[in-house]
Amino acid sequence: MSPRRPPRPLIALLVLALVFAVAVFVRGGAQGEKSAPPASGCTGSQTSTAVPTAAPRPPIAKQLMSLRLVSYYPADAAWTNMWTNWQPDRIDRDLCGIAALGANAVRIIVQPGVFGFPRPAAAMLDRLSSVVGIAAAHGLRVQLTLFDWWSDYSDLPGSDAWAKAVLQRFRGDFRIAFCELKNEINVDDVNAMSWARHEIPVIRAALGSVPVTVSVSGDSPAMALAGLKAGLGSRQPDFYDVHYYGEPGAAFAQLSAARAEVAPAALFVGETGESSQAADSPAGDAQQDLYLRAVEWAAMRAGLPLAAPWMYTDLVPAAVPAAAATDAAGGIAADQLYFGLIRADGAAKPAAQSMRRIFSGQTVPLGFNNGFSVGHAGLPDGWQSTAAEAPPGTGMFAWDPSVGHYAPGSARLSRTSAAANPVPAFYTTPVTQPTHAGEKFRLTAWAKGIRTTGSNRVAISWFADDGTFLGENDSSSLQPGIVTWTTLSVTADTPSGAAYAQVRLQSEGNTGTVWFDDVSFTAVN
């Protein structure tokens, strides 16, 4: 995973004393370094079942369907710093935390530049072996990503020598779930694709039974995968890996198209996620949680394995090496530090609780703060407003913690413009989305008003998978004047070409105040 938008690129059961001793031995003795307090109560190597070195491998599609994978860097040592700022104790506690989420695999990324190319240093190879051993002691298999931050595609002999040296310890090793040749390869780079065609058989020969893949990303997953298939020719991977950071509502349509593109081969969503923007922004936490739940729902409905969150923990700014800089000041965009399921201090975000539930096999939580019980900084969690999209003076938007229908909490709009574009509104993208044209949905909300004028209504807005607005279905408007809690409702069929819907609470040309609460968006049989 390279820093970008996104870098968009693991407590706790007791372990047998023998397993702990083996894990300590595998680490190679570097145990004296201090690290941050453990997340989620982990205190060291704890597990009920360590991953065996050798075990039968089921068919690839079955292996992928059972994966519960999370990408990982330590909070204070990301990318190459993970290997130079070596903290086995910290890694041990973090992988314990990952296992406690219900994950059974962790993604570990290797950069040739820091390991040494074309001859990796023995110390770095020992550190990689240590991480694999620590992960196994926590019941986690490893997705090994090679050739990160590397693009010398003309050096085939060097590539071969480096890959063989890194992989020789892991031939047929069941602790390695699969190996990713290259993170998000550029399918439009003919040199990169020529290199990948050469390297895939080399990696296969070095690893034996371990599956091999290569990942792609982009605005259109299906198009990126089509480019990968064409570029690799006869040297196709054992399965395909796509990274998804598109609109959460469009995930079902996009991933379904991606699956069809590579069928009958298996497809895995190797990265997905959303930044919570800032550590002190709980409302951003809610948006991140909603995003991940929407993508996991979509992956399951599309018949795919669960998507792998990027990533376990937030990063402190010092964790990012200079080579990862993404701005003119030599730093990294602040939002890229906050893709973690937990904070850098180990505190869990809402997304961690949701992923724990999903990884444990429970249903994906569908809620979207529809009762407005939670809000921060004066706005309801999990909802956005059009205030940032329209000129100043188009309306007043607020979370009202004291006014509600059945219980306190509502979304409040006042003094809204009649000519604003877009129409002043709170809006959100629900987890549940259409799976085919003609599918019927009903949106219902309760509303009340004081001295209301204009049009105050709820609406279902429809969008294509590329975000193009296709149209809207509106409820009737709340009556003007002083109105007690009243139901507003609209039922609509999914139009042709629509990939997802947004729920919108709108107020247009209103000189008074309207409150919305208890929103429901459901499929109608």
Protein backbone atom coordinates (compact mmCIF):
# COMPACT_ATOMS: atom_id res chain seq x y z
CA MET A 1 0.00 0.00 0.00
CA SER A 2 1.45 3.34 -0.99
CA PRO A 3 0.39 6.60 0.66
CA ARG A 4 -2.33 8.32 -1.34
CA ARG A 5 -6.03 8.89 -1.13
CA PRO A 6 -6.31 6.34 0.30
CA PRO A 7 -3.36 4.61 1.72
CA ARG A 8 -6.82 3.71 2.09
CA PRO A 9 -3.51 1.80 1.80
CA LEU A 10 -4.34 -7.52 14.96
CA ILE A 11 -6.89 -10.06 22.38
CA ALA A 12 -7.13 -12.53 23.63
CA LEU A 13 -7.16 -16.11 24.74
CA LEU A 14 -4.46 -17.76 26.84
CA VAL A 15 -1.67 -19.61 25.07
CA LEU A 16 0.05 -22.76 26.17
CA ALA A 17 3.41 -22.03 27.69
CA LEU A 18 5.11 -24.13 25.05
CA VAL A 19 3.61 -22.07 22.20
CA PHE A 20 4.74 -18.86 23.86
CA ALA A 21 8.25 -20.20 24.23
CA VAL A 22 8.37 -21.17 20.57
CA ALA A 23 7.12 -17.70 19.52
CA VAL A 24 9.81 -16.02 21.63
CA PHE A 25 12.47 -18.23 20.11
CA VAL A 26 11.32 -17.47 16.57
CA ARG A 27 11.61 -13.74 17.24
CA GLY A 28 15.36 -14.11 17.34
CA GLY A 29 15.90 -12.64 20.78
CA ALA A 30 15.20 -8.92 20.19
CA GLN A 31 12.83 -8.54 23.14
CA GLY A 32 14.11 -5.67 25.25
CA GLU A 33 12.55 -2.65 23.53
CA LYS A 34 9.81 -0.50 25.06
CA SER A 35 6.52 0.09 23.25
CA ALA A 36 3.11 1.65 23.74
CA PRO A 37 0.47 0.13 26.04
CA PRO A 38 -1.33 -2.84 24.47
CA ALA A 39 -4.62 -2.38 22.69
CA SER A 40 -7.81 -4.10 23.84
CA GLY A 41 -6.25 -5.68 26.91
CA CYS A 42 -3.59 -7.74 25.18
CA THR A 43 -0.61 -8.49 27.40
CA GLY A 44 1.56 -10.65 25.17
CA SER A 45 1.47 -13.89 23.18
CA GLN A 46 -2.01 -15.23 23.85
CA THR A 47 -3.91 -17.65 21.66
CA SER A 48 -5.90 -20.85 21.80
CA THR A 49 -4.63 -22.39 18.58
CA ALA A 50 -1.36 -21.51 16.88
CA VAL A 51 -1.22 -21.79 13.10
CA PRO A 52 0.67 -24.93 12.02
CA THR A 53 3.55 -24.69 9.59
CA ALA A 54 2.16 -27.47 7.42
CA ALA A 55 -1.51 -28.22 6.76
CA PRO A 56 -3.68 -29.21 3.79
CA ARG A 57 -4.85 -26.30 1.67
CA PRO A 58 -8.48 -26.29 0.52
CA PRO A 59 -9.40 -24.87 -2.91
CA ILE A 60 -8.48 -21.21 -3.30
CA ALA A 61 -12.05 -19.95 -3.38
CA LYS A 62 -12.77 -21.74 -0.09
CA GLN A 63 -9.58 -20.39 1.48
CA LEU A 64 -10.55 -16.85 0.56
CA MET A 65 -14.11 -17.20 1.84
CA SER A 66 -12.73 -18.11 5.25
CA LEU A 67 -10.27 -15.20 5.44
CA ARG A 68 -10.72 -12.44 8.01
CA LEU A 69 -7.77 -10.23 7.13
CA VAL A 70 -6.50 -6.83 8.33
CA SER A 71 -3.56 -4.80 7.01
CA TYR A 72 -0.94 -3.85 9.56
CA TYR A 73 1.79 -1.40 10.46
CA PRO A 74 2.66 -0.34 14.02
CA ALA A 75 1.16 3.01 15.00
CA ASP A 76 4.58 4.60 15.34
CA ALA A 77 6.47 2.76 12.59
CA ALA A 78 4.76 2.54 9.21
CA TRP A 79 6.02 1.31 5.84
CA THR A 80 9.83 0.97 5.90
CA ASN A 81 9.96 2.20 9.50
CA MET A 82 8.35 -1.05 10.64
CA TRP A 83 11.58 -2.84 9.76
CA THR A 84 14.11 -0.23 10.85
CA ASN A 85 12.31 0.80 14.07
CA TRP A 86 12.07 -2.85 15.08
CA GLN A 87 9.61 -3.41 17.98
CA PRO A 88 8.76 -7.11 18.38
CA ASP A 89 6.99 -6.51 21.70
CA ARG A 90 4.74 -3.90 20.10
CA ILE A 91 4.06 -6.16 17.12
CA ASP A 92 3.22 -9.01 19.49
CA ARG A 93 0.61 -6.95 21.33
CA ASP A 94 -0.83 -5.51 18.14
CA LEU A 95 -1.24 -8.92 16.53
CA CYS A 96 -2.92 -10.07 19.71
CA GLY A 97 -5.32 -7.16 19.20
CA ILE A 98 -5.96 -8.11 15.61
CA ALA A 99 -6.78 -11.68 16.64
CA ALA A 100 -9.20 -10.33 19.25
CA LEU A 101 -11.19 -8.65 16.46
CA GLY A 102 -11.92 -12.14 15.13
CA ALA A 103 -9.38 -11.84 12.32
CA ASN A 104 -7.45 -14.92 11.25
CA ALA A 105 -4.93 -13.27 8.93
CA VAL A 106 -2.73 -10.18 8.82
CA ARG A 107 -1.14 -8.41 5.88
CA ILE A 108 2.59 -7.76 6.19
CA ILE A 109 4.29 -5.58 3.55
CA VAL A 110 7.95 -5.80 2.51
CA GLN A 111 9.99 -3.11 0.74
CA PRO A 112 13.12 -4.22 -1.18
CA GLY A 113 14.76 -0.86 -0.50
CA VAL A 114 14.85 -1.42 3.25
CA PHE A 115 15.47 -5.18 3.17
CA GLY A 116 18.35 -4.83 0.76
CA PHE A 117 18.20 -5.44 -2.97
CA PRO A 118 18.99 -7.73 -4.70
CA ARG A 119 20.46 -9.47 -1.63
CA PRO A 120 18.27 -8.94 1.45
CA ALA A 121 20.12 -8.59 4.73
CA ALA A 122 20.01 -11.62 7.03
CA ALA A 123 18.77 -9.42 9.90
CA MET A 124 15.77 -8.27 7.85
CA LEU A 125 14.92 -11.82 6.80
CA ASP A 126 15.06 -12.81 10.48
CA ARG A 127 12.68 -9.99 11.33
CA LEU A 128 10.22 -11.15 8.69
CA SER A 129 10.42 -14.70 10.02
CA SER A 130 9.82 -13.30 13.49
CA VAL A 131 6.65 -11.50 12.42
CA VAL A 132 5.31 -14.66 10.74
CA GLY A 133 6.04 -16.61 13.94
CA ILE A 134 4.38 -14.02 16.19
CA ALA A 135 1.32 -13.96 13.93
CA ALA A 136 1.08 -17.76 13.96
CA ALA A 137 1.26 -17.80 17.77
CA HIS A 138 -1.86 -15.60 17.76
CA GLY A 139 -3.70 -17.80 15.29
CA LEU A 140 -3.06 -15.44 12.38
CA ARG A 141 -1.84 -16.43 8.94
CA VAL A 142 0.11 -13.89 6.90
CA GLN A 143 -0.61 -12.25 3.59
CA LEU A 144 2.87 -11.39 2.39
CA THR A 145 3.09 -8.39 0.04
CA LEU A 146 6.35 -8.11 -1.92
CA PHE A 147 8.04 -5.38 -4.00
CA ASP A 148 6.42 -2.43 -2.25
CA TRP A 149 7.87 1.00 -3.15
CA TRP A 150 9.83 -0.58 -5.99
CA SER A 151 9.71 -0.01 -9.76
CA ASP A 152 13.00 -1.16 -11.33
CA TYR A 153 11.10 -3.38 -13.73
CA SER A 154 14.03 -3.87 -16.09
CA ASP A 155 16.07 -5.71 -13.43
CA LEU A 156 14.66 -9.20 -13.86
CA PRO A 157 17.73 -11.05 -12.47
CA GLY A 158 17.74 -8.84 -9.39
CA SER A 159 13.99 -9.30 -8.91
CA ASP A 160 14.33 -13.07 -9.16
CA ALA A 161 17.24 -13.23 -6.73
CA TRP A 162 15.55 -10.98 -4.18
CA ALA A 163 12.20 -12.79 -4.28
CA LYS A 164 13.82 -16.22 -3.95
CA ALA A 165 15.91 -15.07 -0.99
CA VAL A 166 12.88 -13.61 0.82
CA LEU A 167 10.62 -16.57 0.13
CA GLN A 168 12.96 -19.54 0.60
CA ARG A 169 11.98 -19.92 4.28
CA PHE A 170 8.28 -20.08 3.46
CA ARG A 171 7.99 -22.65 0.67
CA GLY A 172 4.72 -24.52 1.19
CA ASP A 173 4.35 -22.84 4.60
CA PHE A 174 0.71 -22.95 5.72
CA ARG A 175 1.33 -19.87 7.88
CA ILE A 176 1.46 -17.86 4.64
CA ALA A 177 -2.13 -17.45 3.47
CA PHE A 178 -1.04 -16.06 0.12
CA CYS A 179 1.61 -13.88 -1.48
CA GLU A 180 0.90 -10.62 -3.29
CA LEU A 181 3.55 -9.96 -5.91
CA LYS A 182 2.92 -6.23 -6.12
CA ASN A 183 0.61 -3.78 -4.41
CA GLU A 184 -1.71 -1.93 -6.82
CA ILE A 185 0.28 -2.50 -9.97
CA ASN A 186 -0.21 0.05 -12.75
CA VAL A 187 -1.86 -1.93 -15.53
CA ASP A 188 -1.13 0.86 -18.01
CA ASP A 189 2.62 0.54 -17.46
CA VAL A 190 3.84 -1.93 -20.09
CA ASN A 191 7.14 -2.40 -18.28
CA ALA A 192 5.37 -3.23 -15.03
CA MET A 193 3.13 -5.75 -16.75
CA SER A 194 6.03 -7.37 -18.61
CA TRP A 195 7.86 -7.67 -15.28
CA ALA A 196 4.79 -9.20 -13.60
CA ARG A 197 4.39 -11.76 -16.38
CA HIS A 198 7.97 -12.84 -15.76
CA GLU A 199 7.79 -12.75 -11.97
CA ILE A 200 4.55 -14.64 -11.25
CA PRO A 201 6.02 -18.04 -12.24
CA VAL A 202 9.16 -17.25 -10.25
CA ILE A 203 7.13 -16.59 -7.11
CA ARG A 204 5.03 -19.71 -7.68
CA ALA A 205 8.13 -21.87 -8.03
CA ALA A 206 9.65 -20.36 -4.88
CA LEU A 207 6.53 -20.80 -2.72
CA GLY A 208 5.15 -24.12 -3.92
CA SER A 209 1.56 -24.51 -2.70
CA VAL A 210 1.17 -20.89 -1.51
CA PRO A 211 -1.29 -18.97 -3.76
CA VAL A 212 0.04 -15.94 -5.65
CA THR A 213 -1.84 -12.78 -6.61
CA VAL A 214 -1.28 -9.15 -7.63
CA SER A 215 -3.58 -6.28 -6.71
CA VAL A 216 -5.11 -3.37 -8.60
CA SER A 217 -7.05 -0.30 -7.57
CA GLY A 218 -8.88 2.56 -9.25
CA ASP A 219 -12.22 4.23 -9.80
CA SER A 220 -13.52 1.26 -11.80
CA PRO A 221 -12.51 -2.10 -10.28
CA ALA A 222 -13.83 -4.06 -13.26
CA MET A 223 -11.87 -1.95 -15.71
CA ALA A 224 -8.69 -2.27 -13.64
CA LEU A 225 -9.09 -6.05 -13.47
CA ALA A 226 -9.72 -6.23 -17.21
CA GLY A 227 -6.46 -4.35 -17.75
CA LEU A 228 -4.65 -6.74 -15.39
CA LYS A 229 -5.97 -9.82 -17.17
CA ALA A 230 -5.01 -8.46 -20.56
CA GLY A 231 -1.59 -7.33 -19.39
CA LEU A 232 -0.68 -10.66 -17.79
CA GLY A 233 -1.68 -12.75 -20.80
CA SER A 234 -1.03 -16.43 -20.06
CA ARG A 235 0.61 -15.67 -16.68
CA GLN A 236 -2.53 -15.12 -14.63
CA PRO A 237 -2.48 -15.13 -10.80
CA ASP A 238 -4.11 -17.86 -8.71
CA PHE A 239 -6.86 -15.36 -7.85
CA TYR A 240 -7.47 -11.63 -8.28
CA ASP A 241 -7.12 -8.92 -5.66
CA VAL A 242 -8.84 -5.54 -5.93
CA HIS A 243 -8.66 -2.56 -3.57
CA TYR A 244 -11.93 -0.67 -3.16
CA TYR A 245 -12.17 2.96 -2.05
CA GLY A 246 -15.12 4.11 -4.13
CA GLU A 247 -18.53 5.31 -2.99
CA PRO A 248 -19.80 2.95 -0.29
CA GLY A 249 -23.26 2.76 -1.83
CA ALA A 250 -21.81 1.78 -5.21
CA ALA A 251 -19.79 -1.10 -3.73
CA PHE A 252 -22.32 -3.82 -4.59
CA ALA A 253 -22.59 -2.76 -8.23
CA GLN A 254 -18.84 -2.19 -8.59
CA LEU A 255 -17.80 -5.44 -6.91
CA SER A 256 -20.42 -7.47 -8.77
CA ALA A 257 -19.05 -6.16 -12.06
CA ALA A 258 -15.50 -6.90 -10.89
CA ARG A 259 -16.44 -10.46 -9.95
CA ALA A 260 -18.04 -11.02 -13.35
CA GLU A 261 -14.92 -9.67 -15.05
CA VAL A 262 -12.64 -12.33 -13.53
CA ALA A 263 -15.07 -15.26 -13.32
CA PRO A 264 -14.64 -18.16 -12.91
CA ALA A 265 -11.48 -17.16 -11.00
CA ALA A 266 -11.86 -16.04 -7.40
CA LEU A 267 -11.80 -12.37 -6.35
CA PHE A 268 -10.74 -10.89 -3.03
CA VAL A 269 -11.11 -7.29 -1.83
CA GLY A 270 -7.66 -6.92 -0.32
CA GLU A 271 -8.11 -3.35 0.95
CA THR A 272 -10.94 -1.03 1.80
CA GLY A 273 -11.48 1.74 4.28
CA GLU A 274 -12.21 5.34 5.08
CA SER A 275 -10.31 7.87 7.15
CA SER A 276 -11.96 9.14 10.30
CA GLN A 277 -10.15 12.40 9.39
CA ALA A 278 -8.85 13.32 12.83
CA ALA A 279 -8.40 11.61 16.17
CA ASP A 280 -10.64 14.21 17.86
CA SER A 281 -13.50 13.86 15.37
CA PRO A 282 -16.02 11.28 16.67
CA ALA A 283 -18.43 12.21 13.87
CA GLY A 284 -15.71 11.14 11.45
CA ASP A 285 -15.48 7.86 13.36
CA ALA A 286 -19.15 7.24 12.61
CA GLN A 287 -18.66 7.92 8.92
CA GLN A 288 -15.72 5.49 8.80
CA ASP A 289 -17.79 2.83 10.54
CA LEU A 290 -20.70 3.30 8.15
CA TYR A 291 -18.34 3.06 5.15
CA LEU A 292 -16.79 -0.24 6.25
CA ARG A 293 -20.16 -1.79 7.07
CA ALA A 294 -21.51 -0.78 3.66
CA VAL A 295 -18.57 -2.35 1.80
CA GLU A 296 -18.72 -5.56 3.87
CA TRP A 297 -22.47 -5.81 3.20
CA ALA A 298 -21.83 -5.33 -0.50
CA ALA A 299 -19.04 -7.91 -0.63
CA MET A 300 -21.23 -10.50 1.05
CA ARG A 301 -24.21 -9.76 -1.20
CA ALA A 302 -21.93 -10.03 -4.25
CA GLY A 303 -20.83 -13.51 -3.13
CA LEU A 304 -17.28 -12.39 -2.28
CA PRO A 305 -15.13 -12.99 0.79
CA LEU A 306 -15.18 -10.34 3.48
CA ALA A 307 -13.16 -7.28 2.47
CA ALA A 308 -9.91 -6.58 4.33
CA PRO A 309 -9.84 -3.26 6.23
CA TRP A 310 -6.95 -0.87 5.74
CA MET A 311 -5.79 -0.84 8.52
CA TYR A 312 -5.54 -1.96 12.17
CA THR A 313 -4.31 1.20 13.85
CA ASP A 314 -4.07 4.92 13.23
CA LEU A 315 -0.59 6.33 12.72
CA VAL A 316 1.23 9.09 14.54
CA PRO A 317 2.88 11.58 12.15
CA ALA A 318 6.37 10.40 13.12
CA ALA A 319 5.47 6.88 11.96
CA VAL A 320 5.56 7.93 8.32
CA PRO A 321 8.96 7.84 6.57
CA ALA A 322 10.03 10.79 4.45
CA ALA A 323 9.67 8.71 1.30
CA ALA A 324 5.92 8.54 1.94
CA ALA A 325 5.46 12.31 1.80
CA THR A 326 2.43 13.37 -0.21
CA ASP A 327 2.52 17.15 0.11
CA ALA A 328 4.86 19.98 -0.77
CA ALA A 329 5.86 20.43 2.87
CA GLY A 330 7.33 16.94 2.97
CA GLY A 331 4.56 15.51 5.13
CA ILE A 332 1.52 13.31 4.66
CA ALA A 333 -2.07 14.47 4.44
CA ALA A 334 -3.58 14.36 7.92
CA ASP A 335 -6.54 12.22 6.89
CA GLN A 336 -4.18 9.45 5.80
CA LEU A 337 -3.12 8.93 9.40
CA TYR A 338 -6.60 7.92 10.53
CA PHE A 339 -7.65 4.83 8.60
CA GLY A 340 -7.20 2.58 11.65
CA LEU A 341 -9.85 0.53 13.41
CA ILE A 342 -8.25 1.67 16.65
CA ARG A 343 -6.56 4.91 17.66
CA ALA A 344 -2.81 5.18 18.01
CA ASP A 345 -3.23 5.02 21.80
CA GLY A 346 -5.07 1.69 21.54
CA ALA A 347 -8.62 2.96 22.04
CA ALA A 348 -11.13 1.22 19.79
CA LYS A 349 -13.21 3.17 17.28
CA PRO A 350 -16.80 2.20 16.39
CA ALA A 351 -15.46 0.46 13.27
CA ALA A 352 -13.50 -1.98 15.45
CA GLN A 353 -16.69 -3.12 17.18
CA SER A 354 -18.46 -3.53 13.84
CA MET A 355 -15.59 -5.52 12.32
CA ARG A 356 -15.44 -7.75 15.41
CA ARG A 357 -19.11 -8.54 14.90
CA ILE A 358 -18.72 -9.12 11.16
CA PHE A 359 -15.57 -11.24 11.53
CA SER A 360 -17.35 -13.40 14.11
CA GLY A 361 -20.02 -14.32 11.57
CA GLN A 362 -22.84 -12.10 12.80
CA THR A 363 -24.94 -10.06 10.39
CA VAL A 364 -23.62 -6.72 9.21
CA PRO A 365 -25.09 -3.96 11.41
CA LEU A 366 -27.41 -1.90 9.20
CA GLY A 367 -28.01 1.14 11.41
CA PHE A 368 -27.10 4.70 10.38
CA ASN A 369 -27.94 6.78 13.48
CA ASN A 370 -31.50 6.97 12.22
CA GLY A 371 -32.75 8.09 15.64
CA PHE A 372 -30.15 10.87 15.91
CA SER A 373 -29.22 9.73 19.40
CA VAL A 374 -25.56 10.64 18.87
CA GLY A 375 -23.95 13.80 17.60
CA HIS A 376 -20.75 15.80 17.94
CA ALA A 377 -19.67 19.34 17.17
CA GLY A 378 -23.32 20.26 16.69
CA LEU A 379 -23.97 17.76 13.89
CA PRO A 380 -25.46 14.24 13.89
CA ASP A 381 -23.00 11.37 13.60
CA GLY A 382 -23.01 9.48 10.32
CA TRP A 383 -24.81 12.24 8.42
CA GLN A 384 -23.46 14.90 6.11
CA SER A 385 -25.02 18.21 5.18
CA THR A 386 -25.08 20.27 2.02
CA ALA A 387 -23.66 23.25 3.94
CA ALA A 388 -20.16 22.60 2.59
CA GLU A 389 -21.44 22.31 -0.99
CA ALA A 390 -23.52 25.48 -1.17
CA PRO A 391 -22.82 29.21 -0.72
CA PRO A 392 -23.05 30.68 2.81
CA GLY A 393 -26.50 31.62 3.98
CA THR A 394 -28.34 28.67 2.45
CA GLY A 395 -29.49 27.38 5.81
CA MET A 396 -28.70 26.48 9.40
CA PHE A 397 -27.87 22.82 10.04
CA ALA A 398 -27.69 21.25 13.51
CA TRP A 399 -28.02 18.17 15.65
CA ASP A 400 -30.60 18.89 18.33
CA PRO A 401 -29.95 16.63 21.35
CA SER A 402 -33.01 17.83 23.27
CA VAL A 403 -35.83 17.50 20.69
CA GLY A 404 -36.91 14.12 19.41
CA HIS A 405 -39.85 11.96 18.42
CA TYR A 406 -39.73 8.95 20.76
CA ALA A 407 -36.46 9.92 22.42
CA PRO A 408 -34.25 13.03 22.46
CA GLY A 409 -32.20 13.66 19.34
CA SER A 410 -33.06 14.95 15.89
CA ALA A 411 -31.72 16.72 12.81
CA ARG A 412 -32.73 20.38 12.63
CA LEU A 413 -32.81 22.75 9.63
CA SER A 414 -33.73 26.44 9.78
CA ARG A 415 -33.87 29.47 7.48
CA THR A 416 -33.17 27.52 4.33
CA SER A 417 -32.85 29.11 0.91
CA ALA A 418 -35.40 28.56 -1.82
CA ALA A 419 -32.80 28.82 -4.57
CA ALA A 420 -29.92 26.78 -3.18
CA ASN A 421 -28.32 24.12 -5.34
CA PRO A 422 -28.18 21.52 -3.93
CA VAL A 423 -31.34 21.73 -1.87
CA PRO A 424 -30.41 22.24 1.80
CA ALA A 425 -30.41 18.80 3.40
CA PHE A 426 -28.88 16.28 5.72
CA TYR A 427 -28.04 13.11 3.85
CA THR A 428 -26.49 9.68 4.34
CA THR A 429 -25.81 6.54 2.34
CA PRO A 430 -27.47 3.57 4.06
CA VAL A 431 -25.76 0.18 4.31
CA THR A 432 -28.63 -1.57 2.50
CA GLN A 433 -28.64 -0.79 -1.22
CA PRO A 434 -30.44 -1.99 -4.36
CA THR A 435 -29.18 -5.12 -6.06
CA HIS A 436 -31.25 -4.79 -9.25
CA ALA A 437 -33.44 -2.36 -11.16
CA GLY A 438 -37.07 -2.33 -10.07
CA GLU A 439 -36.28 -3.22 -6.43
CA LYS A 440 -38.70 -1.27 -4.26
CA PHE A 441 -37.63 0.83 -1.25
CA ARG A 442 -39.53 2.84 1.30
CA LEU A 443 -38.16 5.87 3.12
CA THR A 444 -40.05 7.08 6.19
CA ALA A 445 -39.25 9.76 8.76
CA TRP A 446 -41.01 11.77 11.42
CA ALA A 447 -40.96 15.56 11.16
CA LYS A 448 -42.26 18.53 13.15
CA GLY A 449 -42.07 22.24 12.47
CA ILE A 450 -42.43 25.72 13.90
CA ARG A 451 -43.43 28.54 11.55
CA THR A 452 -42.38 26.39 8.59
CA THR A 453 -42.69 27.65 5.04
CA GLY A 454 -41.60 26.31 1.67
CA SER A 455 -41.06 22.58 1.20
CA ASN A 456 -39.84 20.28 3.99
CA ARG A 457 -39.68 16.67 2.90
CA VAL A 458 -37.71 13.42 2.72
CA ALA A 459 -36.29 12.10 -0.54
CA ILE A 460 -34.55 9.10 -2.07
CA SER A 461 -31.82 10.25 -4.44
CA TRP A 462 -30.52 7.74 -7.02
CA PHE A 463 -26.99 7.54 -8.42
CA ALA A 464 -25.13 5.50 -11.04
CA ASP A 465 -22.04 3.58 -9.95
CA ASP A 466 -19.83 6.46 -11.11
CA GLY A 467 -21.70 8.92 -8.89
CA THR A 468 -23.86 10.44 -11.62
CA PHE A 469 -27.15 11.75 -10.20
CA LEU A 470 -30.07 9.99 -11.88
CA GLY A 471 -33.09 11.43 -10.15
CA GLU A 472 -35.06 11.68 -6.94
CA ASN A 473 -38.31 10.50 -5.39
CA ASP A 474 -39.82 12.93 -2.87
CA SER A 475 -42.39 12.58 -0.14
CA SER A 476 -45.15 15.11 0.28
CA SER A 477 -44.12 18.22 2.19
CA LEU A 478 -44.78 18.89 5.84
CA GLN A 479 -47.70 21.25 6.27
CA PRO A 480 -46.73 24.91 6.86
CA GLY A 481 -46.98 26.63 10.23
CA ILE A 482 -46.76 24.87 13.59
CA VAL A 483 -46.93 21.10 13.10
CA THR A 484 -46.59 18.28 15.65
CA TRP A 485 -44.70 15.09 14.82
CA THR A 486 -45.96 13.81 11.48
CA THR A 487 -44.94 10.91 9.27
CA LEU A 488 -43.37 11.66 5.88
CA SER A 489 -42.94 8.73 3.52
CA VAL A 490 -42.00 7.87 -0.05
CA THR A 491 -41.89 4.51 -1.81
CA ALA A 492 -40.01 4.11 -5.07
CA ASP A 493 -38.70 1.52 -7.50
CA THR A 494 -34.98 1.50 -8.20
CA PRO A 495 -34.59 3.12 -11.64
CA SER A 496 -32.63 1.51 -14.43
CA GLY A 497 -28.92 2.23 -14.13
CA ALA A 498 -29.08 3.12 -10.44
CA ALA A 499 -26.37 1.57 -8.30
CA TYR A 500 -27.15 3.18 -4.97
CA ALA A 501 -29.46 5.48 -3.06
CA GLN A 502 -29.00 8.31 -0.62
CA VAL A 503 -31.49 9.26 2.06
CA ARG A 504 -32.04 13.02 2.19
CA LEU A 505 -33.88 15.18 4.73
CA GLN A 506 -34.63 18.39 2.83
CA SER A 507 -35.79 21.87 3.70
CA GLU A 508 -36.23 24.41 0.91
CA GLY A 509 -37.39 28.02 1.24
CA ASN A 510 -38.16 27.56 4.93
CA THR A 511 -38.07 30.70 7.11
CA GLY A 512 -38.91 28.64 10.20
CA THR A 513 -37.48 25.42 11.68
CA VAL A 514 -38.06 21.74 10.91
CA TRP A 515 -36.88 18.69 12.86
CA PHE A 516 -36.48 15.16 11.44
CA ASP A 517 -36.21 11.96 13.49
CA ASP A 518 -36.64 8.16 13.40
CA VAL A 519 -35.67 7.65 9.77
CA SER A 520 -36.30 4.25 8.19
CA PHE A 521 -35.04 3.01 4.80
CA THR A 522 -36.08 -0.53 3.90
CA ALA A 523 -36.56 -2.82 0.93
CA VAL A 524 -40.21 -3.59 0.26
CA ASN A 525 -41.06 -7.16 -0.72
